[in-house]
Amino acid sequence: MRKILITGAAGFIGAHLAQRLVQQGDQIIGIDNLNDYYDPQLKIDRLKMIERGNFEFIKLDLADKRGMADLFARHRFDMVVNLAAQAGVRYSLANPYAYVESNVFGFLNILEGCRHQQVKHLVFASSSSVYGANTNMPFSVHQNVDHPMSLYAATKKANELMAHTYASLYGLPTTGLRFFTVYGPWGRPDMALFLFTRAILSGTPLDVFNYGKMQRDFTYIDDIGEGVRRVLDHLPEPNPRWRGDNPDPASSYAPYKLYNIGNNNPVELMYFINVIEDALGKKAVKNMLPMQPGDVPATYADIDDLMQAVGFKPQTPIEVGIRKFIDWYKKYYLS
């Protein structure tokens, strides 16, 4: 039985992944600081849905240097999945220090724990936000991502650089996953699907940025969970064809790899809203607005590397995923 640490275990992706890995027989230690970025009760309720037995939850902040060192020394993890982070593009404009503390300093504590305890594989959450000002579609892990549009994106790019450093210096196998707009039951209240559903049901105007001309590669939560599960079992190896004079950003001479996990099918924002309206049986009142600072007009994932490595491609249609979210939303909030 493998012992696996999941950070951010009370989060949207973390709770789903913990449940999936517990069901396949892994021993999971989950940590989360249960902060109030959004309603902590939702996080607590997510933890309740995870089967006990092979799951243990510990309230701990990633940025707690001593606490994290003690955790690694006490448990001797085989593998680590780092999903804990201060999330949100727009919130990073108002609260930049929270991002550096959690996403940079906290991630350093993860790297140090993995290094000293010789963890076999570190899988960490990056983000499609790292593509920033890049307009070459679809976004490929083989493209350079040196022009982030938000501090959140910059911290995720920093995670990729830090992880490569530890892979290079200490031989720590590390895999970074660039998630593309994850949605589904138990999702974050600051995400578009949650905000739009709540606004439509209450008759409140919903803010539609870039006048509805945004596109997002929406990825259903079960597809994300299955993708992470498969990547966890696929240890990165040094790329023997990697060359310093023509470097591939997605691989390395060290045991380091990057993958996109997206639906490979960008959806226009107005269609996204139409699907929500159809599922709710109610029309939205739209407040059309210009692009927000830090946002990008479109995301679109090239997932060829993921498919080649682990034989997996997200497949949930947006119509199915939104319906499942709304069924959950009504049950959780309205019943």
C-alpha atoms as a PDB file:
ATOM      1  CA  MET A   1       0.000   0.000   0.000  1.00  0.00           C
ATOM      2  CA  ARG A   2       1.399   3.383  -1.019  1.00  0.00           C
ATOM      3  CA  LYS A   3       1.323   6.297   1.374  1.00  0.00           C
ATOM      4  CA  ILE A   4       0.507   9.481  -0.532  1.00  0.00           C
ATOM      5  CA  LEU A   5       0.336  13.077   0.693  1.00  0.00           C
ATOM      6  CA  ILE A   6      -2.292  15.300  -0.906  1.00  0.00           C
ATOM      7  CA  THR A   7      -2.002  18.979  -0.059  1.00  0.00           C
ATOM      8  CA  GLY A   8      -5.126  21.072  -0.443  1.00  0.00           C
ATOM      9  CA  ALA A   9      -7.154  17.952   0.378  1.00  0.00           C
ATOM     10  CA  ALA A  10     -10.229  19.994   1.308  1.00  0.00           C
ATOM     11  CA  GLY A  11     -10.073  21.794  -2.019  1.00  0.00           C
ATOM     12  CA  PHE A  12     -12.085  21.066  -5.121  1.00  0.00           C
ATOM     13  CA  ILE A  13      -9.537  18.874  -6.917  1.00  0.00           C
ATOM     14  CA  GLY A  14      -7.889  17.591  -3.748  1.00  0.00           C
ATOM     15  CA  ALA A  15     -11.032  16.075  -2.243  1.00  0.00           C
ATOM     16  CA  HIS A  16     -12.021  14.350  -5.487  1.00  0.00           C
ATOM     17  CA  LEU A  17      -8.525  12.951  -5.955  1.00  0.00           C
ATOM     18  CA  ALA A  18      -8.312  11.742  -2.345  1.00  0.00           C
ATOM     19  CA  GLN A  19     -11.580   9.847  -2.767  1.00  0.00           C
ATOM     20  CA  ARG A  20     -10.388   8.282  -6.023  1.00  0.00           C
ATOM     21  CA  LEU A  21      -7.053   7.139  -4.579  1.00  0.00           C
ATOM     22  CA  VAL A  22      -8.602   5.812  -1.348  1.00  0.00           C
ATOM     23  CA  GLN A  23     -11.002   3.736  -3.431  1.00  0.00           C
ATOM     24  CA  GLN A  24      -8.107   2.161  -5.334  1.00  0.00           C
ATOM     25  CA  GLY A  25      -6.422   1.151  -2.065  1.00  0.00           C
ATOM     26  CA  ASP A  26      -3.851   3.877  -1.371  1.00  0.00           C
ATOM     27  CA  GLN A  27      -3.276   5.311   2.093  1.00  0.00           C
ATOM     28  CA  ILE A  28      -3.886   9.052   1.896  1.00  0.00           C
ATOM     29  CA  ILE A  29      -2.782  11.778   4.272  1.00  0.00           C
ATOM     30  CA  GLY A  30      -4.538  15.023   3.383  1.00  0.00           C
ATOM     31  CA  ILE A  31      -3.586  18.470   4.629  1.00  0.00           C
ATOM     32  CA  ASP A  32      -5.314  21.816   4.237  1.00  0.00           C
ATOM     33  CA  ASN A  33      -5.298  25.078   6.201  1.00  0.00           C
ATOM     34  CA  LEU A  34      -9.082  25.541   5.673  1.00  0.00           C
ATOM     35  CA  ASN A  35      -8.629  29.271   5.074  1.00  0.00           C
ATOM     36  CA  ASP A  36     -11.526  31.627   4.441  1.00  0.00           C
ATOM     37  CA  TYR A  37     -10.750  32.586   0.824  1.00  0.00           C
ATOM     38  CA  TYR A  38     -14.199  31.089   0.334  1.00  0.00           C
ATOM     39  CA  ASP A  39     -16.673  29.435   2.714  1.00  0.00           C
ATOM     40  CA  PRO A  40     -14.699  26.953   4.876  1.00  0.00           C
ATOM     41  CA  GLN A  41     -17.881  24.942   5.450  1.00  0.00           C
ATOM     42  CA  LEU A  42     -17.785  23.828   1.817  1.00  0.00           C
ATOM     43  CA  LYS A  43     -14.247  22.564   2.398  1.00  0.00           C
ATOM     44  CA  ILE A  44     -15.295  20.730   5.555  1.00  0.00           C
ATOM     45  CA  ASP A  45     -18.210  19.130   3.717  1.00  0.00           C
ATOM     46  CA  ARG A  46     -15.896  18.001   0.909  1.00  0.00           C
ATOM     47  CA  LEU A  47     -13.770  16.194   3.495  1.00  0.00           C
ATOM     48  CA  LYS A  48     -16.868  14.400   4.765  1.00  0.00           C
ATOM     49  CA  MET A  49     -17.465  12.846   1.341  1.00  0.00           C
ATOM     50  CA  ILE A  50     -14.070  11.087   1.427  1.00  0.00           C
ATOM     51  CA  GLU A  51     -14.237   7.527   2.692  1.00  0.00           C
ATOM     52  CA  ARG A  52     -12.463   7.092   5.993  1.00  0.00           C
ATOM     53  CA  GLY A  53     -10.283   4.105   6.792  1.00  0.00           C
ATOM     54  CA  ASN A  54      -7.338   4.843   4.543  1.00  0.00           C
ATOM     55  CA  PHE A  55      -7.756   8.630   4.728  1.00  0.00           C
ATOM     56  CA  GLU A  56      -6.435  10.883   7.480  1.00  0.00           C
ATOM     57  CA  PHE A  57      -6.887  14.652   7.517  1.00  0.00           C
ATOM     58  CA  ILE A  58      -4.467  17.036   9.216  1.00  0.00           C
ATOM     59  CA  LYS A  59      -5.107  20.764   9.432  1.00  0.00           C
ATOM     60  CA  LEU A  60      -1.804  22.342   8.440  1.00  0.00           C
ATOM     61  CA  ASP A  61      -0.640  25.374   6.502  1.00  0.00           C
ATOM     62  CA  LEU A  62       1.766  24.685   3.651  1.00  0.00           C
ATOM     63  CA  ALA A  63       3.782  27.744   4.707  1.00  0.00           C
ATOM     64  CA  ASP A  64       4.385  26.324   8.223  1.00  0.00           C
ATOM     65  CA  LYS A  65       8.039  25.363   7.810  1.00  0.00           C
ATOM     66  CA  ARG A  66       8.412  23.373  11.036  1.00  0.00           C
ATOM     67  CA  GLY A  67       5.002  21.747  10.744  1.00  0.00           C
ATOM     68  CA  MET A  68       5.712  20.593   7.203  1.00  0.00           C
ATOM     69  CA  ALA A  69       9.150  19.215   8.133  1.00  0.00           C
ATOM     70  CA  ASP A  70       7.600  17.286  11.026  1.00  0.00           C
ATOM     71  CA  LEU A  71       4.871  15.939   8.740  1.00  0.00           C
ATOM     72  CA  PHE A  72       7.386  14.549   6.251  1.00  0.00           C
ATOM     73  CA  ALA A  73       9.599  13.086   8.974  1.00  0.00           C
ATOM     74  CA  ARG A  74       6.636  11.392  10.675  1.00  0.00           C
ATOM     75  CA  HIS A  75       4.964   9.833   7.661  1.00  0.00           C
ATOM     76  CA  ARG A  76       7.643   8.930   5.106  1.00  0.00           C
ATOM     77  CA  PHE A  77       5.499   9.421   2.013  1.00  0.00           C
ATOM     78  CA  ASP A  78       6.012   7.396  -1.135  1.00  0.00           C
ATOM     79  CA  MET A  79       4.473  10.088  -3.322  1.00  0.00           C
ATOM     80  CA  VAL A  80       3.195  13.655  -2.972  1.00  0.00           C
ATOM     81  CA  VAL A  81       0.502  15.517  -4.891  1.00  0.00           C
ATOM     82  CA  ASN A  82       0.690  19.247  -4.259  1.00  0.00           C
ATOM     83  CA  LEU A  83      -2.672  20.882  -4.987  1.00  0.00           C
ATOM     84  CA  ALA A  84      -2.648  23.470  -2.197  1.00  0.00           C
ATOM     85  CA  ALA A  85      -2.315  27.032  -3.434  1.00  0.00           C
ATOM     86  CA  GLN A  86      -3.804  30.455  -3.143  1.00  0.00           C
ATOM     87  CA  ALA A  87      -6.040  30.370  -6.179  1.00  0.00           C
ATOM     88  CA  GLY A  88      -7.739  33.013  -8.287  1.00  0.00           C
ATOM     89  CA  VAL A  89      -6.414  35.436 -10.879  1.00  0.00           C
ATOM     90  CA  ARG A  90      -8.356  38.539  -9.844  1.00  0.00           C
ATOM     91  CA  TYR A  91      -7.776  38.068  -6.102  1.00  0.00           C
ATOM     92  CA  SER A  92      -4.027  38.211  -6.762  1.00  0.00           C
ATOM     93  CA  LEU A  93      -4.431  41.854  -7.789  1.00  0.00           C
ATOM     94  CA  ALA A  94      -5.695  42.755  -4.323  1.00  0.00           C
ATOM     95  CA  ASN A  95      -3.808  40.285  -2.134  1.00  0.00           C
ATOM     96  CA  PRO A  96      -0.408  39.574  -3.704  1.00  0.00           C
ATOM     97  CA  TYR A  97       1.378  38.554  -0.505  1.00  0.00           C
ATOM     98  CA  ALA A  98      -0.997  35.621   0.024  1.00  0.00           C
ATOM     99  CA  TYR A  99       0.188  34.153  -3.282  1.00  0.00           C
ATOM    100  CA  VAL A 100       3.880  34.382  -2.514  1.00  0.00           C
ATOM    101  CA  GLU A 101       3.425  32.919   0.972  1.00  0.00           C
ATOM    102  CA  SER A 102       1.388  29.911  -0.117  1.00  0.00           C
ATOM    103  CA  ASN A 103       2.425  29.289  -3.709  1.00  0.00           C
ATOM    104  CA  VAL A 104       6.148  30.034  -3.437  1.00  0.00           C
ATOM    105  CA  PHE A 105       7.250  29.638   0.180  1.00  0.00           C
ATOM    106  CA  GLY A 106       4.743  26.835   0.784  1.00  0.00           C
ATOM    107  CA  PHE A 107       5.904  25.027  -2.339  1.00  0.00           C
ATOM    108  CA  LEU A 108       9.514  25.311  -1.161  1.00  0.00           C
ATOM    109  CA  ASN A 109       8.503  23.454   2.009  1.00  0.00           C
ATOM    110  CA  ILE A 110       7.047  20.699  -0.167  1.00  0.00           C
ATOM    111  CA  LEU A 111      10.220  20.456  -2.228  1.00  0.00           C
ATOM    112  CA  GLU A 112      12.414  20.320   0.866  1.00  0.00           C
ATOM    113  CA  GLY A 113      10.257  17.621   2.437  1.00  0.00           C
ATOM    114  CA  CYS A 114      10.370  15.545  -0.745  1.00  0.00           C
ATOM    115  CA  ARG A 115      14.115  16.014  -1.042  1.00  0.00           C
ATOM    116  CA  HIS A 116      15.021  15.028   2.518  1.00  0.00           C
ATOM    117  CA  GLN A 117      12.632  12.078   2.666  1.00  0.00           C
ATOM    118  CA  GLN A 118      13.487  10.823  -0.830  1.00  0.00           C
ATOM    119  CA  VAL A 119       9.919  10.872  -2.139  1.00  0.00           C
ATOM    120  CA  LYS A 120       9.569   8.743  -5.272  1.00  0.00           C
ATOM    121  CA  HIS A 121       7.398  11.186  -7.245  1.00  0.00           C
ATOM    122  CA  LEU A 122       6.162  14.739  -6.721  1.00  0.00           C
ATOM    123  CA  VAL A 123       3.176  15.733  -8.850  1.00  0.00           C
ATOM    124  CA  PHE A 124       2.244  19.404  -8.551  1.00  0.00           C
ATOM    125  CA  ALA A 125      -0.520  21.631  -9.846  1.00  0.00           C
ATOM    126  CA  SER A 126       0.456  24.301 -12.296  1.00  0.00           C
ATOM    127  CA  SER A 127      -2.119  26.210 -14.344  1.00  0.00           C
ATOM    128  CA  SER A 128      -3.095  27.178 -17.866  1.00  0.00           C
ATOM    129  CA  SER A 129      -2.614  30.752 -16.594  1.00  0.00           C
ATOM    130  CA  VAL A 130       1.139  30.367 -17.144  1.00  0.00           C
ATOM    131  CA  TYR A 131       0.573  30.761 -20.905  1.00  0.00           C
ATOM    132  CA  GLY A 132      -0.214  34.422 -20.223  1.00  0.00           C
ATOM    133  CA  ALA A 133       0.267  36.636 -23.272  1.00  0.00           C
ATOM    134  CA  ASN A 134       0.897  33.646 -25.537  1.00  0.00           C
ATOM    135  CA  THR A 135      -1.578  33.602 -28.452  1.00  0.00           C
ATOM    136  CA  ASN A 136      -0.265  30.512 -30.262  1.00  0.00           C
ATOM    137  CA  MET A 137      -3.192  28.061 -30.045  1.00  0.00           C
ATOM    138  CA  PRO A 138      -3.550  25.392 -28.865  1.00  0.00           C
ATOM    139  CA  PHE A 139      -1.306  25.983 -25.862  1.00  0.00           C
ATOM    140  CA  SER A 140       1.530  23.461 -25.872  1.00  0.00           C
ATOM    141  CA  VAL A 141       3.890  22.515 -23.059  1.00  0.00           C
ATOM    142  CA  HIS A 142       6.665  22.815 -25.625  1.00  0.00           C
ATOM    143  CA  GLN A 143       6.112  26.579 -25.907  1.00  0.00           C
ATOM    144  CA  ASN A 144       7.944  29.074 -23.712  1.00  0.00           C
ATOM    145  CA  VAL A 145       5.757  30.735 -21.082  1.00  0.00           C
ATOM    146  CA  ASP A 146       7.714  33.796 -20.042  1.00  0.00           C
ATOM    147  CA  HIS A 147       4.985  36.452 -20.081  1.00  0.00           C
ATOM    148  CA  PRO A 148       2.462  35.831 -17.285  1.00  0.00           C
ATOM    149  CA  MET A 149      -0.508  38.199 -17.000  1.00  0.00           C
ATOM    150  CA  SER A 150      -1.124  37.886 -13.250  1.00  0.00           C
ATOM    151  CA  LEU A 151       0.862  37.284 -10.080  1.00  0.00           C
ATOM    152  CA  TYR A 152      -1.034  33.998  -9.662  1.00  0.00           C
ATOM    153  CA  ALA A 153       0.313  32.861 -13.045  1.00  0.00           C
ATOM    154  CA  ALA A 154       3.800  34.060 -12.122  1.00  0.00           C
ATOM    155  CA  THR A 155       3.785  31.960  -8.938  1.00  0.00           C
ATOM    156  CA  LYS A 156       2.735  28.894 -10.920  1.00  0.00           C
ATOM    157  CA  LYS A 157       5.549  29.494 -13.388  1.00  0.00           C
ATOM    158  CA  ALA A 158       7.846  29.852 -10.376  1.00  0.00           C
ATOM    159  CA  ASN A 159       6.670  26.439  -9.143  1.00  0.00           C
ATOM    160  CA  GLU A 160       7.690  24.880 -12.446  1.00  0.00           C
ATOM    161  CA  LEU A 161      11.138  26.466 -12.251  1.00  0.00           C
ATOM    162  CA  MET A 162      11.621  25.481  -8.601  1.00  0.00           C
ATOM    163  CA  ALA A 163      10.538  21.908  -9.304  1.00  0.00           C
ATOM    164  CA  HIS A 164      12.996  21.629 -12.176  1.00  0.00           C
ATOM    165  CA  THR A 165      15.786  22.910  -9.938  1.00  0.00           C
ATOM    166  CA  TYR A 166      15.136  20.155  -7.386  1.00  0.00           C
ATOM    167  CA  ALA A 167      14.825  17.534 -10.129  1.00  0.00           C
ATOM    168  CA  SER A 168      18.190  18.674 -11.467  1.00  0.00           C
ATOM    169  CA  LEU A 169      20.060  19.106  -8.189  1.00  0.00           C
ATOM    170  CA  TYR A 170      18.678  16.184  -6.208  1.00  0.00           C
ATOM    171  CA  GLY A 171      17.220  13.800  -8.779  1.00  0.00           C
ATOM    172  CA  LEU A 172      13.704  14.335  -7.409  1.00  0.00           C
ATOM    173  CA  PRO A 173      11.193  13.046 -10.011  1.00  0.00           C
ATOM    174  CA  THR A 174       8.729  15.884 -10.532  1.00  0.00           C
ATOM    175  CA  THR A 175       5.729  16.275 -12.833  1.00  0.00           C
ATOM    176  CA  GLY A 176       3.829  19.529 -13.290  1.00  0.00           C
ATOM    177  CA  LEU A 177       0.211  19.552 -14.467  1.00  0.00           C
ATOM    178  CA  ARG A 178      -1.245  22.614 -16.137  1.00  0.00           C
ATOM    179  CA  PHE A 179      -4.953  22.430 -15.365  1.00  0.00           C
ATOM    180  CA  PHE A 180      -7.429  24.098 -17.719  1.00  0.00           C
ATOM    181  CA  THR A 181     -10.539  25.646 -16.057  1.00  0.00           C
ATOM    182  CA  VAL A 182     -11.703  22.781 -13.869  1.00  0.00           C
ATOM    183  CA  TYR A 183     -15.435  22.590 -13.107  1.00  0.00           C
ATOM    184  CA  GLY A 184     -18.012  20.216 -11.655  1.00  0.00           C
ATOM    185  CA  PRO A 185     -19.760  19.233  -8.388  1.00  0.00           C
ATOM    186  CA  TRP A 186     -18.169  20.638  -5.209  1.00  0.00           C
ATOM    187  CA  GLY A 187     -16.463  23.343  -7.297  1.00  0.00           C
ATOM    188  CA  ARG A 188     -15.058  26.626  -6.041  1.00  0.00           C
ATOM    189  CA  PRO A 189     -17.589  29.427  -5.450  1.00  0.00           C
ATOM    190  CA  ASP A 190     -15.338  31.983  -7.171  1.00  0.00           C
ATOM    191  CA  MET A 191     -15.400  30.117 -10.496  1.00  0.00           C
ATOM    192  CA  ALA A 192     -17.631  31.133 -13.396  1.00  0.00           C
ATOM    193  CA  LEU A 193     -20.003  28.141 -13.313  1.00  0.00           C
ATOM    194  CA  PHE A 194     -20.742  28.662  -9.634  1.00  0.00           C
ATOM    195  CA  LEU A 195     -21.133  32.429  -9.966  1.00  0.00           C
ATOM    196  CA  PHE A 196     -23.351  32.204 -13.038  1.00  0.00           C
ATOM    197  CA  THR A 197     -25.604  29.527 -11.572  1.00  0.00           C
ATOM    198  CA  ARG A 198     -26.123  31.515  -8.389  1.00  0.00           C
ATOM    199  CA  ALA A 199     -26.791  34.739 -10.285  1.00  0.00           C
ATOM    200  CA  ILE A 200     -29.293  33.180 -12.693  1.00  0.00           C
ATOM    201  CA  LEU A 201     -31.246  31.481  -9.913  1.00  0.00           C
ATOM    202  CA  SER A 202     -31.420  34.720  -7.897  1.00  0.00           C
ATOM    203  CA  GLY A 203     -32.201  36.939 -10.900  1.00  0.00           C
ATOM    204  CA  THR A 204     -29.016  38.933 -10.276  1.00  0.00           C
ATOM    205  CA  PRO A 205     -27.204  40.301 -13.349  1.00  0.00           C
ATOM    206  CA  LEU A 206     -24.103  38.258 -14.084  1.00  0.00           C
ATOM    207  CA  ASP A 207     -20.886  39.919 -15.178  1.00  0.00           C
ATOM    208  CA  VAL A 208     -19.859  38.777 -18.671  1.00  0.00           C
ATOM    209  CA  PHE A 209     -16.298  39.937 -19.320  1.00  0.00           C
ATOM    210  CA  ASN A 210     -14.813  40.767 -22.711  1.00  0.00           C
ATOM    211  CA  TYR A 211     -18.421  41.155 -23.870  1.00  0.00           C
ATOM    212  CA  GLY A 212     -18.804  37.372 -23.958  1.00  0.00           C
ATOM    213  CA  LYS A 213     -15.941  36.810 -26.403  1.00  0.00           C
ATOM    214  CA  MET A 214     -13.905  34.724 -23.966  1.00  0.00           C
ATOM    215  CA  GLN A 215     -13.091  31.079 -24.665  1.00  0.00           C
ATOM    216  CA  ARG A 216     -12.131  28.506 -22.071  1.00  0.00           C
ATOM    217  CA  ASP A 217     -11.056  24.879 -22.281  1.00  0.00           C
ATOM    218  CA  PHE A 218     -13.412  23.678 -19.529  1.00  0.00           C
ATOM    219  CA  THR A 219     -12.310  20.374 -17.966  1.00  0.00           C
ATOM    220  CA  TYR A 220     -14.646  18.232 -15.869  1.00  0.00           C
ATOM    221  CA  ILE A 221     -13.438  17.272 -12.396  1.00  0.00           C
ATOM    222  CA  ASP A 222     -13.626  13.492 -12.945  1.00  0.00           C
ATOM    223  CA  ASP A 223     -11.394  13.838 -16.005  1.00  0.00           C
ATOM    224  CA  ILE A 224      -8.902  15.822 -13.950  1.00  0.00           C
ATOM    225  CA  GLY A 225      -8.913  13.187 -11.201  1.00  0.00           C
ATOM    226  CA  GLU A 226      -8.325  10.335 -13.631  1.00  0.00           C
ATOM    227  CA  GLY A 227      -5.571  12.264 -15.373  1.00  0.00           C
ATOM    228  CA  VAL A 228      -3.757  12.965 -12.104  1.00  0.00           C
ATOM    229  CA  ARG A 229      -4.144   9.336 -11.005  1.00  0.00           C
ATOM    230  CA  ARG A 230      -2.522   8.079 -14.197  1.00  0.00           C
ATOM    231  CA  VAL A 231       0.293  10.632 -14.118  1.00  0.00           C
ATOM    232  CA  LEU A 232       1.065   9.711 -10.508  1.00  0.00           C
ATOM    233  CA  ASP A 233       1.893   6.181 -11.678  1.00  0.00           C
ATOM    234  CA  HIS A 234       4.004   7.465 -14.591  1.00  0.00           C
ATOM    235  CA  LEU A 235       7.353   8.572 -13.210  1.00  0.00           C
ATOM    236  CA  PRO A 236       9.217  11.155 -15.303  1.00  0.00           C
ATOM    237  CA  GLU A 237      12.551  10.162 -16.744  1.00  0.00           C
ATOM    238  CA  PRO A 238      15.383  12.260 -18.147  1.00  0.00           C
ATOM    239  CA  ASN A 239      14.942  13.025 -21.833  1.00  0.00           C
ATOM    240  CA  PRO A 240      18.023  11.622 -23.615  1.00  0.00           C
ATOM    241  CA  ARG A 241      17.341  13.898 -26.611  1.00  0.00           C
ATOM    242  CA  TRP A 242      17.184  17.084 -24.547  1.00  0.00           C
ATOM    243  CA  ARG A 243      19.711  19.674 -25.727  1.00  0.00           C
ATOM    244  CA  GLY A 244      20.847  22.797 -23.970  1.00  0.00           C
ATOM    245  CA  ASP A 245      21.248  24.699 -27.230  1.00  0.00           C
ATOM    246  CA  ASN A 246      17.628  23.947 -28.189  1.00  0.00           C
ATOM    247  CA  PRO A 247      15.867  23.162 -24.904  1.00  0.00           C
ATOM    248  CA  ASP A 248      12.411  21.608 -24.705  1.00  0.00           C
ATOM    249  CA  PRO A 249      10.470  23.423 -21.925  1.00  0.00           C
ATOM    250  CA  ALA A 250       8.310  20.328 -21.288  1.00  0.00           C
ATOM    251  CA  SER A 251      11.147  17.948 -20.401  1.00  0.00           C
ATOM    252  CA  SER A 252      14.751  17.977 -19.215  1.00  0.00           C
ATOM    253  CA  TYR A 253      18.014  16.118 -18.782  1.00  0.00           C
ATOM    254  CA  ALA A 254      16.630  15.732 -15.227  1.00  0.00           C
ATOM    255  CA  PRO A 255      13.595  13.604 -14.196  1.00  0.00           C
ATOM    256  CA  TYR A 256      11.109  16.387 -14.910  1.00  0.00           C
ATOM    257  CA  LYS A 257       8.000  16.637 -17.108  1.00  0.00           C
ATOM    258  CA  LEU A 258       5.106  18.988 -17.811  1.00  0.00           C
ATOM    259  CA  TYR A 259       1.651  18.083 -19.116  1.00  0.00           C
ATOM    260  CA  ASN A 260      -1.499  19.972 -20.003  1.00  0.00           C
ATOM    261  CA  ILE A 261      -4.753  18.525 -18.684  1.00  0.00           C
ATOM    262  CA  GLY A 262      -7.604  20.122 -20.588  1.00  0.00           C
ATOM    263  CA  ASN A 263     -10.616  19.088 -22.598  1.00  0.00           C
ATOM    264  CA  ASN A 264      -8.894  20.009 -25.893  1.00  0.00           C
ATOM    265  CA  ASN A 265     -12.100  21.780 -26.916  1.00  0.00           C
ATOM    266  CA  PRO A 266     -12.440  25.505 -26.101  1.00  0.00           C
ATOM    267  CA  VAL A 267     -15.993  26.733 -25.438  1.00  0.00           C
ATOM    268  CA  GLU A 268     -17.213  30.282 -26.016  1.00  0.00           C
ATOM    269  CA  LEU A 269     -18.479  32.022 -22.910  1.00  0.00           C
ATOM    270  CA  MET A 270     -21.891  32.806 -24.381  1.00  0.00           C
ATOM    271  CA  TYR A 271     -22.455  29.129 -25.246  1.00  0.00           C
ATOM    272  CA  PHE A 272     -21.330  28.190 -21.735  1.00  0.00           C
ATOM    273  CA  ILE A 273     -23.986  30.545 -20.329  1.00  0.00           C
ATOM    274  CA  ASN A 274     -26.624  29.161 -22.711  1.00  0.00           C
ATOM    275  CA  VAL A 275     -25.970  25.619 -21.471  1.00  0.00           C
ATOM    276  CA  ILE A 276     -26.390  26.778 -17.852  1.00  0.00           C
ATOM    277  CA  GLU A 277     -29.637  28.555 -18.776  1.00  0.00           C
ATOM    278  CA  ASP A 278     -30.982  25.415 -20.445  1.00  0.00           C
ATOM    279  CA  ALA A 279     -30.061  23.245 -17.455  1.00  0.00           C
ATOM    280  CA  LEU A 280     -31.711  25.681 -15.026  1.00  0.00           C
ATOM    281  CA  GLY A 281     -34.702  26.458 -17.244  1.00  0.00           C
ATOM    282  CA  LYS A 282     -34.137  30.154 -16.638  1.00  0.00           C
ATOM    283  CA  LYS A 283     -32.560  32.983 -18.628  1.00  0.00           C
ATOM    284  CA  ALA A 284     -29.673  35.078 -17.363  1.00  0.00           C
ATOM    285  CA  VAL A 285     -29.613  38.842 -16.969  1.00  0.00           C
ATOM    286  CA  LYS A 286     -26.254  39.779 -18.493  1.00  0.00           C
ATOM    287  CA  ASN A 287     -24.004  42.676 -17.573  1.00  0.00           C
ATOM    288  CA  MET A 288     -21.595  42.960 -20.505  1.00  0.00           C
ATOM    289  CA  LEU A 289     -18.174  44.231 -19.444  1.00  0.00           C
ATOM    290  CA  PRO A 290     -14.685  44.720 -20.951  1.00  0.00           C
ATOM    291  CA  MET A 291     -11.762  42.405 -20.272  1.00  0.00           C
ATOM    292  CA  GLN A 292     -10.570  42.328 -16.653  1.00  0.00           C
ATOM    293  CA  PRO A 293      -6.897  42.933 -15.782  1.00  0.00           C
ATOM    294  CA  GLY A 294      -4.990  39.659 -15.531  1.00  0.00           C
ATOM    295  CA  ASP A 295      -7.433  37.703 -17.712  1.00  0.00           C
ATOM    296  CA  VAL A 296      -6.625  36.144 -21.079  1.00  0.00           C
ATOM    297  CA  PRO A 297      -9.146  35.964 -23.940  1.00  0.00           C
ATOM    298  CA  ALA A 298      -8.823  32.241 -24.623  1.00  0.00           C
ATOM    299  CA  THR A 299      -7.342  28.959 -23.405  1.00  0.00           C
ATOM    300  CA  TYR A 300      -6.972  25.792 -25.456  1.00  0.00           C
ATOM    301  CA  ALA A 301      -4.956  22.751 -24.375  1.00  0.00           C
ATOM    302  CA  ASP A 302      -2.734  20.646 -26.586  1.00  0.00           C
ATOM    303  CA  ILE A 303      -2.848  17.295 -24.747  1.00  0.00           C
ATOM    304  CA  ASP A 304      -0.857  15.131 -27.170  1.00  0.00           C
ATOM    305  CA  ASP A 305       1.922  14.550 -24.620  1.00  0.00           C
ATOM    306  CA  LEU A 306      -0.558  13.448 -21.932  1.00  0.00           C
ATOM    307  CA  MET A 307      -2.254  11.030 -24.326  1.00  0.00           C
ATOM    308  CA  GLN A 308       1.061   9.578 -25.448  1.00  0.00           C
ATOM    309  CA  ALA A 309       2.397   9.180 -21.895  1.00  0.00           C
ATOM    310  CA  VAL A 310      -0.609   7.786 -20.025  1.00  0.00           C
ATOM    311  CA  GLY A 311      -3.178   7.004 -22.715  1.00  0.00           C
ATOM    312  CA  PHE A 312      -5.781   9.385 -21.392  1.00  0.00           C
ATOM    313  CA  LYS A 313      -7.869  12.169 -22.886  1.00  0.00           C
ATOM    314  CA  PRO A 314     -10.620  14.071 -21.018  1.00  0.00           C
ATOM    315  CA  GLN A 315     -13.945  13.236 -22.627  1.00  0.00           C
ATOM    316  CA  THR A 316     -16.809  14.753 -20.618  1.00  0.00           C
ATOM    317  CA  PRO A 317     -18.898  17.097 -22.819  1.00  0.00           C
ATOM    318  CA  ILE A 318     -19.635  20.512 -21.335  1.00  0.00           C
ATOM    319  CA  GLU A 319     -23.380  19.816 -21.507  1.00  0.00           C
ATOM    320  CA  VAL A 320     -23.011  16.702 -19.340  1.00  0.00           C
ATOM    321  CA  GLY A 321     -20.625  18.294 -16.859  1.00  0.00           C
ATOM    322  CA  ILE A 322     -22.762  21.396 -16.320  1.00  0.00           C
ATOM    323  CA  ARG A 323     -25.868  19.271 -15.758  1.00  0.00           C
ATOM    324  CA  LYS A 324     -24.044  17.247 -13.086  1.00  0.00           C
ATOM    325  CA  PHE A 325     -22.856  20.425 -11.388  1.00  0.00           C
ATOM    326  CA  ILE A 326     -26.344  21.927 -11.306  1.00  0.00           C
ATOM    327  CA  ASP A 327     -27.822  18.705  -9.929  1.00  0.00           C
ATOM    328  CA  TRP A 328     -25.246  18.874  -7.128  1.00  0.00           C
ATOM    329  CA  TYR A 329     -25.779  22.611  -6.568  1.00  0.00           C
ATOM    330  CA  LYS A 330     -29.535  22.202  -6.136  1.00  0.00           C
ATOM    331  CA  LYS A 331     -29.094  19.292  -3.758  1.00  0.00           C
ATOM    332  CA  TYR A 332     -26.403  21.031  -1.677  1.00  0.00           C
ATOM    333  CA  TYR A 333     -27.866  24.531  -1.519  1.00  0.00           C
ATOM    334  CA  LEU A 334     -31.569  24.276  -2.282  1.00  0.00           C
ATOM    335  CA  SER A 335     -32.800  21.006  -0.773  1.00  0.00           C
END
